[in-house]
């Protein structure tokens, strides 16, 4: 058991604190605020930059290491569009996109009646109020990674770690 440093009065709750419900469908200015590696790829955290939902968070989970080829293609397409919206053609590290404001059209999906609705992202583009920075470099597009052989784990082959992605 953990003792709290002070008594908490539950009647003084803040009803303005947003829960974990999905954002309503719409176009949002988002700012990448963090990223972490997952067993399936990368999860990028975004803060809603402005508007009535300013400060809310949403995540894009990019399944680069999925066994599903369609999931890998979608992840590749989304990171490519995000790199473009952030003004880079040679994305090698997620730190390059942190703090850049991008626009994304968000839809709401309900895949499982036992879970909350989730957000789904449509292609990113530069935010209208924030012109994209000058591209950092020119690189050839990187094709999505091939599927692993049956029964083997997916190797770490995110698009920015592919030969020629620099």
C-alpha atoms as a PDB file:
ATOM      1  CA  UNK A   1       0.000   0.000   0.000  1.00  0.00           C
ATOM      2  CA  UNK A   2       1.222   3.539  -0.769  1.00  0.00           C
ATOM      3  CA  UNK A   3       0.362   6.458   1.487  1.00  0.00           C
ATOM      4  CA  UNK A   4      -0.529   9.692  -0.312  1.00  0.00           C
ATOM      5  CA  UNK A   5       1.371  12.839   0.683  1.00  0.00           C
ATOM      6  CA  UNK A   6      -1.912  14.632   1.456  1.00  0.00           C
ATOM      7  CA  UNK A   7      -5.599  13.805   1.701  1.00  0.00           C
ATOM      8  CA  UNK A   8      -7.466  14.013  -1.620  1.00  0.00           C
ATOM      9  CA  UNK A   9     -11.009  15.390  -1.767  1.00  0.00           C
ATOM     10  CA  UNK A  10     -12.804  13.476  -4.540  1.00  0.00           C
ATOM     11  CA  UNK A  11     -15.580  16.087  -4.673  1.00  0.00           C
ATOM     12  CA  UNK A  12     -13.056  18.604  -6.061  1.00  0.00           C
ATOM     13  CA  UNK A  13     -12.461  16.743  -9.307  1.00  0.00           C
ATOM     14  CA  UNK A  14     -11.607  18.613 -12.498  1.00  0.00           C
ATOM     15  CA  UNK A  15     -14.213  17.795 -15.149  1.00  0.00           C
ATOM     16  CA  UNK A  16     -12.167  19.539 -17.845  1.00  0.00           C
ATOM     17  CA  UNK A  17      -9.507  16.809 -17.781  1.00  0.00           C
ATOM     18  CA  UNK A  18      -9.905  14.781 -20.960  1.00  0.00           C
ATOM     19  CA  UNK A  19     -10.228  11.033 -20.714  1.00  0.00           C
ATOM     20  CA  UNK A  20      -8.881   8.458 -23.079  1.00  0.00           C
ATOM     21  CA  UNK A  21     -11.745   8.718 -25.562  1.00  0.00           C
ATOM     22  CA  UNK A  22     -10.807   9.069 -29.205  1.00  0.00           C
ATOM     23  CA  UNK A  23     -10.667  12.574 -30.657  1.00  0.00           C
ATOM     24  CA  UNK A  24     -13.723  13.476 -32.734  1.00  0.00           C
ATOM     25  CA  UNK A  25     -13.216  13.022 -36.485  1.00  0.00           C
ATOM     26  CA  UNK A  26     -11.721  16.062 -38.205  1.00  0.00           C
ATOM     27  CA  UNK A  27      -8.516  17.715 -39.391  1.00  0.00           C
ATOM     28  CA  UNK A  28      -6.102  18.636 -36.628  1.00  0.00           C
ATOM     29  CA  UNK A  29      -2.790  20.427 -36.312  1.00  0.00           C
ATOM     30  CA  UNK A  30      -0.634  17.938 -34.449  1.00  0.00           C
ATOM     31  CA  UNK A  31       2.854  18.165 -33.041  1.00  0.00           C
ATOM     32  CA  UNK A  32       4.928  14.985 -32.610  1.00  0.00           C
ATOM     33  CA  UNK A  33       5.857  14.920 -28.938  1.00  0.00           C
ATOM     34  CA  UNK A  34       7.517  11.549 -28.459  1.00  0.00           C
ATOM     35  CA  UNK A  35       8.219   8.183 -29.990  1.00  0.00           C
ATOM     36  CA  UNK A  36       9.081   4.757 -28.701  1.00  0.00           C
ATOM     37  CA  UNK A  37      10.033   1.463 -30.250  1.00  0.00           C
ATOM     38  CA  UNK A  38       7.508  -1.338 -29.891  1.00  0.00           C
ATOM     39  CA  UNK A  39       7.740  -5.008 -30.796  1.00  0.00           C
ATOM     40  CA  UNK A  40       5.748  -4.257 -33.967  1.00  0.00           C
ATOM     41  CA  UNK A  41       7.451  -0.993 -34.949  1.00  0.00           C
ATOM     42  CA  UNK A  42       7.146   2.538 -33.608  1.00  0.00           C
ATOM     43  CA  UNK A  43       4.491   4.414 -31.655  1.00  0.00           C
ATOM     44  CA  UNK A  44       4.507   8.190 -32.192  1.00  0.00           C
ATOM     45  CA  UNK A  45       2.726  10.392 -29.662  1.00  0.00           C
ATOM     46  CA  UNK A  46       1.131  13.601 -30.943  1.00  0.00           C
ATOM     47  CA  UNK A  47      -0.207  16.622 -29.056  1.00  0.00           C
ATOM     48  CA  UNK A  48      -3.147  18.501 -30.556  1.00  0.00           C
ATOM     49  CA  UNK A  49      -1.521  21.854 -31.187  1.00  0.00           C
ATOM     50  CA  UNK A  50      -4.507  24.217 -31.258  1.00  0.00           C
ATOM     51  CA  UNK A  51      -8.295  24.426 -31.346  1.00  0.00           C
ATOM     52  CA  UNK A  52     -10.865  23.160 -28.847  1.00  0.00           C
ATOM     53  CA  UNK A  53      -8.952  19.915 -28.246  1.00  0.00           C
ATOM     54  CA  UNK A  54      -5.568  21.614 -27.701  1.00  0.00           C
ATOM     55  CA  UNK A  55      -3.362  19.566 -25.401  1.00  0.00           C
ATOM     56  CA  UNK A  56      -5.121  16.242 -26.058  1.00  0.00           C
ATOM     57  CA  UNK A  57      -2.931  13.363 -27.150  1.00  0.00           C
ATOM     58  CA  UNK A  58      -3.264  10.769 -29.860  1.00  0.00           C
ATOM     59  CA  UNK A  59      -0.908   8.110 -31.161  1.00  0.00           C
ATOM     60  CA  UNK A  60       0.088   6.653 -34.499  1.00  0.00           C
ATOM     61  CA  UNK A  61       1.299   3.071 -34.271  1.00  0.00           C
ATOM     62  CA  UNK A  62       3.453   2.188 -37.251  1.00  0.00           C
ATOM     63  CA  UNK A  63       3.750  -1.584 -37.671  1.00  0.00           C
ATOM     64  CA  UNK A  64       7.029  -1.825 -39.595  1.00  0.00           C
ATOM     65  CA  UNK A  65       7.745  -5.242 -38.086  1.00  0.00           C
ATOM     66  CA  UNK A  66       4.329  -6.778 -38.652  1.00  0.00           C
ATOM     67  CA  UNK A  67       4.033 -10.101 -40.438  1.00  0.00           C
ATOM     68  CA  UNK A  68       1.168  -8.514 -42.386  1.00  0.00           C
ATOM     69  CA  UNK A  69       2.469  -6.963 -45.607  1.00  0.00           C
ATOM     70  CA  UNK A  70      -0.443  -4.493 -45.791  1.00  0.00           C
ATOM     71  CA  UNK A  71       0.331  -3.219 -42.276  1.00  0.00           C
ATOM     72  CA  UNK A  72       3.992  -2.720 -43.228  1.00  0.00           C
ATOM     73  CA  UNK A  73       3.007  -0.847 -46.415  1.00  0.00           C
ATOM     74  CA  UNK A  74       0.628   1.408 -44.456  1.00  0.00           C
ATOM     75  CA  UNK A  75       3.341   2.135 -41.863  1.00  0.00           C
ATOM     76  CA  UNK A  76       5.807   2.991 -44.629  1.00  0.00           C
ATOM     77  CA  UNK A  77       3.283   5.260 -46.376  1.00  0.00           C
ATOM     78  CA  UNK A  78       2.417   7.078 -43.132  1.00  0.00           C
ATOM     79  CA  UNK A  79       6.040   7.697 -42.094  1.00  0.00           C
ATOM     80  CA  UNK A  80       6.841   8.892 -45.628  1.00  0.00           C
ATOM     81  CA  UNK A  81       3.920  11.336 -45.537  1.00  0.00           C
ATOM     82  CA  UNK A  82       4.909  12.473 -42.045  1.00  0.00           C
ATOM     83  CA  UNK A  83       8.504  13.077 -43.187  1.00  0.00           C
ATOM     84  CA  UNK A  84       7.204  15.149 -46.128  1.00  0.00           C
ATOM     85  CA  UNK A  85       4.899  17.184 -43.876  1.00  0.00           C
ATOM     86  CA  UNK A  86       7.852  17.883 -41.570  1.00  0.00           C
ATOM     87  CA  UNK A  87       9.992  19.013 -44.495  1.00  0.00           C
ATOM     88  CA  UNK A  88      12.495  16.195 -44.645  1.00  0.00           C
ATOM     89  CA  UNK A  89      13.238  13.694 -47.383  1.00  0.00           C
ATOM     90  CA  UNK A  90      15.860  11.809 -45.382  1.00  0.00           C
ATOM     91  CA  UNK A  91      14.239  10.817 -42.094  1.00  0.00           C
ATOM     92  CA  UNK A  92      16.718   8.749 -40.101  1.00  0.00           C
ATOM     93  CA  UNK A  93      15.504   9.340 -36.550  1.00  0.00           C
ATOM     94  CA  UNK A  94      12.183  10.380 -35.046  1.00  0.00           C
ATOM     95  CA  UNK A  95      13.971  13.255 -33.271  1.00  0.00           C
ATOM     96  CA  UNK A  96      13.961  15.011 -36.676  1.00  0.00           C
ATOM     97  CA  UNK A  97      10.169  15.419 -36.581  1.00  0.00           C
ATOM     98  CA  UNK A  98       9.694  16.320 -32.915  1.00  0.00           C
ATOM     99  CA  UNK A  99       8.215  19.775 -32.382  1.00  0.00           C
ATOM    100  CA  UNK A 100       7.124  20.218 -36.031  1.00  0.00           C
ATOM    101  CA  UNK A 101       3.448  21.017 -36.564  1.00  0.00           C
ATOM    102  CA  UNK A 102       1.662  18.904 -39.175  1.00  0.00           C
ATOM    103  CA  UNK A 103      -1.955  18.500 -40.231  1.00  0.00           C
ATOM    104  CA  UNK A 104      -3.673  15.124 -40.182  1.00  0.00           C
ATOM    105  CA  UNK A 105      -7.192  14.059 -40.953  1.00  0.00           C
ATOM    106  CA  UNK A 106      -8.391  11.860 -38.123  1.00  0.00           C
ATOM    107  CA  UNK A 107     -11.225   9.373 -38.348  1.00  0.00           C
ATOM    108  CA  UNK A 108     -12.757   7.281 -35.597  1.00  0.00           C
ATOM    109  CA  UNK A 109     -12.821   3.480 -35.723  1.00  0.00           C
ATOM    110  CA  UNK A 110     -14.617   1.065 -33.479  1.00  0.00           C
ATOM    111  CA  UNK A 111     -13.038  -2.329 -34.060  1.00  0.00           C
ATOM    112  CA  UNK A 112     -14.096  -4.079 -30.881  1.00  0.00           C
ATOM    113  CA  UNK A 113     -17.317  -3.432 -28.922  1.00  0.00           C
ATOM    114  CA  UNK A 114     -15.481  -4.146 -25.648  1.00  0.00           C
ATOM    115  CA  UNK A 115     -12.924  -1.347 -26.205  1.00  0.00           C
ATOM    116  CA  UNK A 116     -13.053   2.421 -26.600  1.00  0.00           C
ATOM    117  CA  UNK A 117     -13.144   3.965 -30.049  1.00  0.00           C
ATOM    118  CA  UNK A 118      -9.715   4.537 -31.552  1.00  0.00           C
ATOM    119  CA  UNK A 119      -8.349   7.181 -33.894  1.00  0.00           C
ATOM    120  CA  UNK A 120      -7.051   6.376 -37.342  1.00  0.00           C
ATOM    121  CA  UNK A 121      -4.829   8.795 -39.290  1.00  0.00           C
ATOM    122  CA  UNK A 122      -5.132   9.671 -42.925  1.00  0.00           C
ATOM    123  CA  UNK A 123      -2.080  11.071 -44.739  1.00  0.00           C
ATOM    124  CA  UNK A 124      -0.191  13.902 -43.072  1.00  0.00           C
ATOM    125  CA  UNK A 125       0.464  17.185 -44.803  1.00  0.00           C
ATOM    126  CA  UNK A 126       2.156  20.434 -43.826  1.00  0.00           C
ATOM    127  CA  UNK A 127      -0.046  22.478 -41.502  1.00  0.00           C
ATOM    128  CA  UNK A 128      -1.418  25.506 -43.395  1.00  0.00           C
ATOM    129  CA  UNK A 129      -0.428  27.993 -40.708  1.00  0.00           C
ATOM    130  CA  UNK A 130       3.050  26.497 -40.444  1.00  0.00           C
ATOM    131  CA  UNK A 131       4.815  26.292 -43.810  1.00  0.00           C
ATOM    132  CA  UNK A 132       7.046  23.246 -44.137  1.00  0.00           C
ATOM    133  CA  UNK A 133      10.733  23.844 -43.576  1.00  0.00           C
ATOM    134  CA  UNK A 134      13.140  23.536 -46.456  1.00  0.00           C
ATOM    135  CA  UNK A 135      13.836  19.839 -47.106  1.00  0.00           C
ATOM    136  CA  UNK A 136      16.985  18.664 -45.355  1.00  0.00           C
ATOM    137  CA  UNK A 137      18.235  16.315 -48.045  1.00  0.00           C
ATOM    138  CA  UNK A 138      17.158  14.365 -51.097  1.00  0.00           C
ATOM    139  CA  UNK A 139      16.988  10.610 -50.930  1.00  0.00           C
ATOM    140  CA  UNK A 140      15.446   7.868 -52.981  1.00  0.00           C
ATOM    141  CA  UNK A 141      12.187   6.435 -51.581  1.00  0.00           C
ATOM    142  CA  UNK A 142      12.744   3.232 -49.651  1.00  0.00           C
ATOM    143  CA  UNK A 143      10.526   0.262 -50.515  1.00  0.00           C
ATOM    144  CA  UNK A 144       8.675  -1.488 -47.686  1.00  0.00           C
ATOM    145  CA  UNK A 145      10.612  -4.379 -46.134  1.00  0.00           C
ATOM    146  CA  UNK A 146       9.889  -7.932 -47.327  1.00  0.00           C
ATOM    147  CA  UNK A 147       7.877 -10.344 -45.203  1.00  0.00           C
ATOM    148  CA  UNK A 148       9.915 -12.643 -42.939  1.00  0.00           C
ATOM    149  CA  UNK A 149       9.965 -16.341 -43.726  1.00  0.00           C
ATOM    150  CA  UNK A 150       7.165 -18.292 -42.035  1.00  0.00           C
ATOM    151  CA  UNK A 151       7.969 -19.042 -38.403  1.00  0.00           C
ATOM    152  CA  UNK A 152      10.748 -16.458 -38.077  1.00  0.00           C
ATOM    153  CA  UNK A 153      10.669 -13.142 -36.239  1.00  0.00           C
ATOM    154  CA  UNK A 154      10.657  -9.929 -38.255  1.00  0.00           C
ATOM    155  CA  UNK A 155      14.143  -8.354 -38.307  1.00  0.00           C
ATOM    156  CA  UNK A 156      14.601  -4.736 -37.301  1.00  0.00           C
ATOM    157  CA  UNK A 157      14.244  -3.116 -40.722  1.00  0.00           C
ATOM    158  CA  UNK A 158      12.501   0.204 -40.265  1.00  0.00           C
ATOM    159  CA  UNK A 159      12.554   2.315 -43.446  1.00  0.00           C
ATOM    160  CA  UNK A 160      15.132   4.774 -42.104  1.00  0.00           C
ATOM    161  CA  UNK A 161      17.538   1.898 -41.395  1.00  0.00           C
ATOM    162  CA  UNK A 162      17.479   0.620 -44.962  1.00  0.00           C
ATOM    163  CA  UNK A 163      20.528   1.055 -47.223  1.00  0.00           C
ATOM    164  CA  UNK A 164      20.317   4.310 -49.126  1.00  0.00           C
ATOM    165  CA  UNK A 165      17.825   5.929 -46.731  1.00  0.00           C
ATOM    166  CA  UNK A 166      20.309   8.567 -45.661  1.00  0.00           C
END
